[in-house]
Protein backbone atom coordinates (compact mmCIF):
# COMPACT_ATOMS: atom_id res chain seq x y z
CA UNK A 1 79.38 -100.84 12.18
CA UNK A 2 76.53 -101.44 9.78
CA UNK A 3 75.23 -98.15 7.89
CA UNK A 4 73.81 -96.94 4.22
CA UNK A 5 74.37 -94.24 2.21
CA UNK A 6 71.46 -92.75 0.68
CA UNK A 7 72.59 -90.94 -2.43
CA UNK A 8 70.14 -88.87 -4.55
CA UNK A 9 70.93 -88.64 -8.32
CA UNK A 10 69.81 -86.03 -11.31
CA UNK A 11 71.61 -85.51 -14.33
CA UNK A 12 74.81 -85.04 -12.57
CA UNK A 13 77.35 -87.98 -14.37
CA UNK A 14 80.46 -85.89 -13.31
CA UNK A 15 79.62 -85.38 -9.46
CA UNK A 16 78.13 -89.04 -9.38
CA UNK A 17 81.29 -90.65 -10.95
CA UNK A 18 83.86 -88.84 -8.40
CA UNK A 19 81.37 -89.92 -5.34
CA UNK A 20 81.45 -93.17 -6.52
CA UNK A 21 85.18 -93.28 -6.82
CA UNK A 22 85.25 -91.98 -2.88
CA UNK A 23 82.58 -94.40 -2.09
CA UNK A 24 84.72 -97.42 -3.29
CA UNK A 25 88.01 -96.23 -2.01
CA UNK A 26 85.82 -96.24 1.27
CA UNK A 27 85.08 -99.67 1.14
CA UNK A 28 81.42 -98.53 1.40
CA UNK A 29 79.09 -101.85 1.69
CA UNK A 30 75.55 -100.80 1.41
CA UNK A 31 74.58 -97.84 -0.77
CA UNK A 32 71.43 -96.56 -2.03
CA UNK A 33 71.07 -94.55 -5.28
CA UNK A 34 67.67 -93.24 -5.66
CA UNK A 35 67.39 -91.77 -9.47
CA UNK A 36 65.21 -88.79 -9.59
CA UNK A 37 63.84 -89.27 -13.02
CA UNK A 38 67.69 -88.37 -14.54
CA UNK A 39 67.35 -87.57 -18.42
CA UNK A 40 70.80 -87.64 -18.83
CA UNK A 41 72.33 -91.17 -21.00
CA UNK A 42 75.56 -91.00 -19.29
CA UNK A 43 74.04 -90.48 -16.05
CA UNK A 44 71.36 -93.41 -16.66
CA UNK A 45 74.51 -95.54 -17.70
CA UNK A 46 76.36 -95.19 -14.66
CA UNK A 47 73.53 -96.28 -12.39
CA UNK A 48 72.98 -99.29 -14.57
CA UNK A 49 76.76 -99.97 -13.76
CA UNK A 50 76.19 -98.73 -10.08
CA UNK A 51 72.83 -101.42 -9.72
CA UNK A 52 75.35 -104.58 -9.91
CA UNK A 53 76.98 -103.66 -6.97
CA UNK A 54 74.54 -101.34 -5.00
CA UNK A 55 70.76 -100.56 -4.76
CA UNK A 56 69.28 -98.51 -7.49
CA UNK A 57 66.00 -96.98 -7.42
CA UNK A 58 64.20 -95.38 -9.99
CA UNK A 59 61.41 -92.05 -9.41
CA UNK A 60 59.22 -92.02 -12.14
CA UNK A 61 59.06 -88.31 -12.21
CA UNK A 62 61.24 -85.86 -10.66
CA UNK A 63 60.75 -85.66 -6.54
CA UNK A 64 63.34 -83.19 -5.75
CA UNK A 65 66.13 -83.91 -2.89
CA UNK A 66 63.94 -84.43 0.03
CA UNK A 67 61.09 -87.00 -1.29
CA UNK A 68 64.46 -89.04 -3.18
CA UNK A 69 66.04 -88.82 -0.09
CA UNK A 70 63.03 -90.25 2.05
CA UNK A 71 62.46 -92.84 -0.58
CA UNK A 72 65.85 -94.23 -0.37
CA UNK A 73 65.51 -94.06 3.84
CA UNK A 74 62.58 -96.35 3.38
CA UNK A 75 64.73 -98.99 1.76
CA UNK A 76 67.11 -99.06 4.31
CA UNK A 77 67.64 -101.97 6.50
CA UNK A 78 70.24 -100.56 8.77
CA UNK A 79 69.95 -98.61 11.65
CA UNK A 80 72.60 -95.72 10.95
CA UNK A 81 71.83 -93.89 7.43
């Protein structure tokens, strides 16, 4: 089954690192990370690294969880999200 995982991200490097580890172990192919204007430099660095493998979208300002997820969904090309 072809699916996409959408992940809203805001200043949580520890949680993001744990999630990425699980995604890699699960062999997830399609993932969209929506950076909701994170200010944390560690989070930004992790997202830069993730952009080499998956899609990273950056919001210019914090849009909150729902808008971040909806923005990620708009960028999906799979039928299942």
